Amino acid sequence: MTVHLEGENRQFSANKPTEIVCKTAGSRPLATITWWKGNTKLKKSKERHSEDGNITTSVLTYVPSAEDNGIYLTCRAENSLILGSAIEDSWKLDVLCKCTCCYPK
């Protein structure tokens, strides 16, 4: 089984929504994909499955905040029938903020 965040890690702009795609392949049954920001599980994602059932694609709509800078965003795939089968791919977030309004006072 494989899991991969598509594209390359990049800089994100604070408060600007972006879509991040994660693909997993080779799991029977289909992998369960979860998204994590640090230790916090994220819930706003959509999944698609290939016709042959081999590939699961998850799309996360993510709105970074200035406080997310330096935190890891992780896509985790797991086969529910295999204990300890979770594998993941992560990006260390680089969040830019153009004004002082984004930072806590």
N, C-alpha and C. Protein backbone atom coordinates (compact mmCIF):
# COMPACT_ATOMS: atom_id res chain seq x y z
N MET A 1 0.85 -1.17 0.00
CA MET A 1 0.00 0.00 0.00
C MET A 1 0.90 1.24 0.00
N THR A 2 0.49 2.27 -0.71
CA THR A 2 1.23 3.53 -0.76
C THR A 2 0.31 4.69 -0.42
N VAL A 3 0.91 5.77 0.06
CA VAL A 3 0.18 7.01 0.30
C VAL A 3 1.10 8.16 -0.10
N HIS A 4 0.51 9.18 -0.77
CA HIS A 4 1.33 10.26 -1.28
C HIS A 4 0.53 11.56 -1.38
N LEU A 5 1.08 12.63 -0.82
CA LEU A 5 0.51 13.96 -1.03
C LEU A 5 0.94 14.42 -2.41
N GLU A 6 -0.02 14.83 -3.24
CA GLU A 6 0.30 15.23 -4.61
C GLU A 6 0.93 16.61 -4.67
N GLY A 7 1.81 16.78 -5.65
CA GLY A 7 2.50 18.05 -5.81
C GLY A 7 3.66 18.13 -4.85
N GLU A 8 4.17 19.34 -4.72
CA GLU A 8 5.27 19.57 -3.80
C GLU A 8 4.82 20.46 -2.66
N ASN A 9 5.46 20.28 -1.52
CA ASN A 9 5.17 21.16 -0.40
C ASN A 9 5.49 22.59 -0.84
N ARG A 10 4.64 23.51 -0.46
CA ARG A 10 4.79 24.89 -0.91
C ARG A 10 4.42 25.84 0.21
N GLN A 11 4.59 27.10 -0.04
CA GLN A 11 4.14 28.09 0.93
C GLN A 11 2.64 28.30 0.78
N PHE A 12 1.99 28.49 1.92
CA PHE A 12 0.57 28.76 1.94
C PHE A 12 0.35 30.18 2.45
N SER A 13 -0.72 30.80 2.02
CA SER A 13 -1.08 32.13 2.50
C SER A 13 -2.12 31.99 3.60
N ALA A 14 -1.88 32.67 4.72
CA ALA A 14 -2.81 32.62 5.83
C ALA A 14 -4.20 33.07 5.38
N ASN A 15 -5.21 32.34 5.84
CA ASN A 15 -6.62 32.64 5.61
C ASN A 15 -7.07 32.47 4.16
N LYS A 16 -6.24 31.87 3.31
CA LYS A 16 -6.61 31.64 1.91
C LYS A 16 -6.86 30.14 1.70
N PRO A 17 -8.11 29.75 1.36
CA PRO A 17 -8.42 28.33 1.16
C PRO A 17 -7.61 27.72 0.02
N THR A 18 -7.22 26.48 0.20
CA THR A 18 -6.50 25.73 -0.83
C THR A 18 -6.92 24.27 -0.74
N GLU A 19 -6.83 23.57 -1.86
CA GLU A 19 -7.13 22.14 -1.86
C GLU A 19 -5.83 21.35 -1.91
N ILE A 20 -5.76 20.33 -1.07
CA ILE A 20 -4.59 19.45 -1.01
C ILE A 20 -5.08 18.04 -1.30
N VAL A 21 -4.37 17.32 -2.18
CA VAL A 21 -4.80 16.01 -2.62
C VAL A 21 -3.85 14.93 -2.10
N CYS A 22 -4.45 13.86 -1.60
CA CYS A 22 -3.70 12.69 -1.13
C CYS A 22 -4.23 11.46 -1.86
N LYS A 23 -3.31 10.62 -2.36
CA LYS A 23 -3.70 9.39 -3.05
C LYS A 23 -3.08 8.20 -2.34
N THR A 24 -3.88 7.14 -2.25
CA THR A 24 -3.39 5.89 -1.69
C THR A 24 -3.77 4.76 -2.66
N ALA A 25 -2.92 3.77 -2.74
CA ALA A 25 -3.16 2.66 -3.66
C ALA A 25 -2.76 1.34 -3.01
N GLY A 26 -3.40 0.26 -3.48
CA GLY A 26 -2.99 -1.08 -3.11
C GLY A 26 -3.66 -1.68 -1.90
N SER A 27 -4.70 -1.06 -1.38
CA SER A 27 -5.35 -1.59 -0.19
C SER A 27 -6.64 -2.32 -0.56
N ARG A 28 -6.81 -3.50 0.01
CA ARG A 28 -8.06 -4.25 -0.13
C ARG A 28 -8.49 -4.65 1.27
N PRO A 29 -9.59 -4.19 1.82
CA PRO A 29 -10.54 -3.25 1.22
C PRO A 29 -9.92 -1.86 1.07
N LEU A 30 -10.70 -0.93 0.52
CA LEU A 30 -10.22 0.44 0.32
C LEU A 30 -9.65 1.00 1.61
N ALA A 31 -8.60 1.78 1.47
CA ALA A 31 -7.97 2.41 2.63
C ALA A 31 -8.90 3.47 3.23
N THR A 32 -8.79 3.62 4.53
CA THR A 32 -9.45 4.72 5.22
C THR A 32 -8.44 5.84 5.32
N ILE A 33 -8.79 7.02 4.77
CA ILE A 33 -7.88 8.16 4.78
C ILE A 33 -8.34 9.17 5.82
N THR A 34 -7.40 9.59 6.66
CA THR A 34 -7.67 10.66 7.62
C THR A 34 -6.61 11.74 7.46
N TRP A 35 -7.00 12.98 7.77
CA TRP A 35 -6.11 14.13 7.70
C TRP A 35 -5.86 14.65 9.10
N TRP A 36 -4.61 15.08 9.34
CA TRP A 36 -4.21 15.56 10.66
C TRP A 36 -3.40 16.85 10.53
N LYS A 37 -3.66 17.79 11.39
CA LYS A 37 -2.83 19.00 11.54
C LYS A 37 -2.23 18.91 12.92
N GLY A 38 -0.95 18.54 12.97
CA GLY A 38 -0.35 18.21 14.26
C GLY A 38 -1.08 17.00 14.83
N ASN A 39 -1.60 17.13 16.05
CA ASN A 39 -2.36 16.03 16.69
C ASN A 39 -3.86 16.18 16.53
N THR A 40 -4.31 17.14 15.72
CA THR A 40 -5.73 17.41 15.55
C THR A 40 -6.24 16.78 14.26
N LYS A 41 -7.28 15.95 14.39
CA LYS A 41 -7.88 15.33 13.21
C LYS A 41 -8.76 16.35 12.50
N LEU A 42 -8.59 16.44 11.17
CA LEU A 42 -9.39 17.35 10.36
C LEU A 42 -10.54 16.58 9.71
N LYS A 43 -11.65 17.28 9.45
CA LYS A 43 -12.84 16.56 9.00
C LYS A 43 -13.38 16.96 7.63
N LYS A 44 -12.94 18.05 7.06
CA LYS A 44 -13.53 18.55 5.81
C LYS A 44 -12.78 18.02 4.59
N SER A 45 -13.01 16.76 4.22
CA SER A 45 -12.37 16.22 3.02
C SER A 45 -13.41 15.44 2.21
N LYS A 46 -13.09 15.25 0.93
CA LYS A 46 -13.94 14.48 0.03
C LYS A 46 -13.12 13.34 -0.54
N GLU A 47 -13.75 12.19 -0.73
CA GLU A 47 -13.03 11.03 -1.27
C GLU A 47 -13.62 10.57 -2.60
N ARG A 48 -12.72 10.07 -3.45
CA ARG A 48 -13.10 9.44 -4.71
C ARG A 48 -12.35 8.11 -4.78
N HIS A 49 -12.97 7.15 -5.48
CA HIS A 49 -12.35 5.83 -5.64
C HIS A 49 -12.27 5.49 -7.12
N SER A 50 -11.17 4.86 -7.53
CA SER A 50 -11.04 4.43 -8.92
C SER A 50 -12.04 3.30 -9.19
N GLU A 51 -12.37 3.11 -10.47
CA GLU A 51 -13.35 2.07 -10.84
C GLU A 51 -12.92 0.68 -10.40
N ASP A 52 -11.62 0.42 -10.45
CA ASP A 52 -11.14 -0.91 -10.05
C ASP A 52 -10.97 -1.04 -8.54
N GLY A 53 -11.21 0.05 -7.80
CA GLY A 53 -11.12 0.01 -6.34
C GLY A 53 -9.71 0.00 -5.80
N ASN A 54 -8.72 0.23 -6.65
CA ASN A 54 -7.33 0.17 -6.20
C ASN A 54 -6.83 1.50 -5.64
N ILE A 55 -7.39 2.63 -6.11
CA ILE A 55 -6.88 3.94 -5.72
C ILE A 55 -7.98 4.74 -5.01
N THR A 56 -7.63 5.29 -3.87
CA THR A 56 -8.51 6.21 -3.15
C THR A 56 -7.84 7.58 -3.15
N THR A 57 -8.60 8.60 -3.54
CA THR A 57 -8.10 9.98 -3.56
C THR A 57 -8.92 10.79 -2.57
N SER A 58 -8.24 11.51 -1.71
CA SER A 58 -8.89 12.38 -0.74
C SER A 58 -8.47 13.82 -1.01
N VAL A 59 -9.45 14.71 -1.04
CA VAL A 59 -9.18 16.13 -1.27
C VAL A 59 -9.58 16.90 -0.02
N LEU A 60 -8.61 17.58 0.57
CA LEU A 60 -8.84 18.39 1.77
C LEU A 60 -8.89 19.86 1.37
N THR A 61 -9.97 20.54 1.76
CA THR A 61 -10.02 22.00 1.61
C THR A 61 -9.49 22.56 2.92
N TYR A 62 -8.37 23.24 2.84
CA TYR A 62 -7.64 23.68 4.02
C TYR A 62 -7.47 25.20 4.01
N VAL A 63 -7.77 25.81 5.14
CA VAL A 63 -7.58 27.25 5.31
C VAL A 63 -6.54 27.45 6.41
N PRO A 64 -5.28 27.69 6.02
CA PRO A 64 -4.22 27.82 7.03
C PRO A 64 -4.34 29.13 7.81
N SER A 65 -3.89 29.08 9.03
CA SER A 65 -3.79 30.30 9.83
C SER A 65 -2.31 30.55 10.11
N ALA A 66 -1.98 31.75 10.52
CA ALA A 66 -0.59 32.08 10.82
C ALA A 66 -0.03 31.15 11.90
N GLU A 67 -0.88 30.71 12.82
CA GLU A 67 -0.45 29.83 13.91
C GLU A 67 -0.08 28.42 13.42
N ASP A 68 -0.48 28.07 12.18
CA ASP A 68 -0.17 26.75 11.63
C ASP A 68 1.27 26.65 11.12
N ASN A 69 1.96 27.75 11.00
CA ASN A 69 3.33 27.74 10.49
C ASN A 69 4.20 26.81 11.34
N GLY A 70 4.89 25.89 10.65
CA GLY A 70 5.79 24.95 11.34
C GLY A 70 5.13 23.67 11.80
N ILE A 71 3.81 23.58 11.71
CA ILE A 71 3.08 22.37 12.11
C ILE A 71 3.05 21.41 10.92
N TYR A 72 2.96 20.12 11.19
CA TYR A 72 2.88 19.12 10.12
C TYR A 72 1.44 18.83 9.75
N LEU A 73 1.16 18.83 8.42
CA LEU A 73 -0.11 18.41 7.87
C LEU A 73 0.12 17.00 7.33
N THR A 74 -0.71 16.05 7.77
CA THR A 74 -0.48 14.64 7.47
C THR A 74 -1.71 13.99 6.86
N CYS A 75 -1.46 13.19 5.82
CA CYS A 75 -2.48 12.32 5.25
C CYS A 75 -2.12 10.90 5.70
N ARG A 76 -3.06 10.24 6.36
CA ARG A 76 -2.81 8.89 6.89
C ARG A 76 -3.78 7.90 6.24
N ALA A 77 -3.25 6.80 5.73
CA ALA A 77 -4.06 5.75 5.12
C ALA A 77 -3.92 4.47 5.95
N GLU A 78 -5.06 3.79 6.12
CA GLU A 78 -5.05 2.59 6.95
C GLU A 78 -6.02 1.56 6.39
N ASN A 79 -5.61 0.30 6.40
CA ASN A 79 -6.47 -0.80 6.02
C ASN A 79 -7.13 -1.30 7.30
N SER A 80 -8.46 -1.24 7.34
CA SER A 80 -9.19 -1.59 8.56
C SER A 80 -9.04 -3.05 8.97
N LEU A 81 -8.60 -3.92 8.06
CA LEU A 81 -8.44 -5.34 8.38
C LEU A 81 -7.04 -5.71 8.85
N ILE A 82 -6.10 -4.77 8.77
CA ILE A 82 -4.72 -5.08 9.15
C ILE A 82 -4.29 -4.16 10.29
N LEU A 83 -4.16 -4.71 11.46
CA LEU A 83 -3.75 -3.95 12.63
C LEU A 83 -2.37 -3.34 12.41
N GLY A 84 -2.22 -2.06 12.71
CA GLY A 84 -0.93 -1.39 12.59
C GLY A 84 -0.52 -1.10 11.16
N SER A 85 -1.48 -1.05 10.24
CA SER A 85 -1.15 -0.87 8.82
C SER A 85 -1.07 0.59 8.39
N ALA A 86 -1.28 1.53 9.30
CA ALA A 86 -1.31 2.94 8.92
C ALA A 86 0.04 3.40 8.38
N ILE A 87 -0.02 4.08 7.23
CA ILE A 87 1.16 4.74 6.67
C ILE A 87 0.75 6.16 6.35
N GLU A 88 1.72 7.06 6.27
CA GLU A 88 1.35 8.46 6.09
C GLU A 88 2.40 9.23 5.30
N ASP A 89 1.94 10.38 4.81
CA ASP A 89 2.82 11.34 4.14
C ASP A 89 2.51 12.68 4.76
N SER A 90 3.53 13.49 5.01
CA SER A 90 3.35 14.76 5.72
C SER A 90 4.10 15.89 5.05
N TRP A 91 3.59 17.09 5.26
CA TRP A 91 4.27 18.33 4.89
C TRP A 91 4.41 19.20 6.12
N LYS A 92 5.59 19.80 6.30
CA LYS A 92 5.75 20.82 7.33
C LYS A 92 5.23 22.12 6.72
N LEU A 93 4.25 22.73 7.38
CA LEU A 93 3.58 23.90 6.82
C LEU A 93 4.44 25.15 6.90
N ASP A 94 4.46 25.87 5.81
CA ASP A 94 5.12 27.17 5.71
C ASP A 94 4.02 28.17 5.36
N VAL A 95 3.51 28.85 6.38
CA VAL A 95 2.36 29.74 6.20
C VAL A 95 2.83 31.19 6.25
N LEU A 96 2.54 31.91 5.19
CA LEU A 96 2.90 33.32 5.10
C LEU A 96 1.72 34.20 5.48
N CYS A 97 2.04 35.30 6.10
CA CYS A 97 1.03 36.28 6.47
C CYS A 97 1.55 37.64 6.04
N LYS A 98 0.77 38.35 5.23
CA LYS A 98 1.24 39.61 4.65
C LYS A 98 1.05 40.82 5.56
N CYS A 99 0.31 40.65 6.62
CA CYS A 99 0.07 41.82 7.48
C CYS A 99 0.07 41.40 8.94
N THR A 100 0.16 42.35 9.81
CA THR A 100 0.19 42.05 11.24
C THR A 100 -1.17 41.61 11.76
N CYS A 101 -2.22 41.77 10.95
CA CYS A 101 -3.55 41.38 11.42
C CYS A 101 -3.68 39.87 11.63
N CYS A 102 -2.79 39.08 11.03
CA CYS A 102 -2.86 37.62 11.16
C CYS A 102 -2.25 37.11 12.47
N TYR A 103 -1.40 37.86 13.06
CA TYR A 103 -0.69 37.40 14.25
C TYR A 103 -1.43 37.78 15.52
N PRO A 104 -1.39 36.91 16.51
CA PRO A 104 -2.03 37.23 17.80
C PRO A 104 -1.40 38.47 18.42
N LYS A 105 -2.20 39.24 19.10
CA LYS A 105 -1.70 40.46 19.74
C LYS A 105 -1.39 40.21 21.19
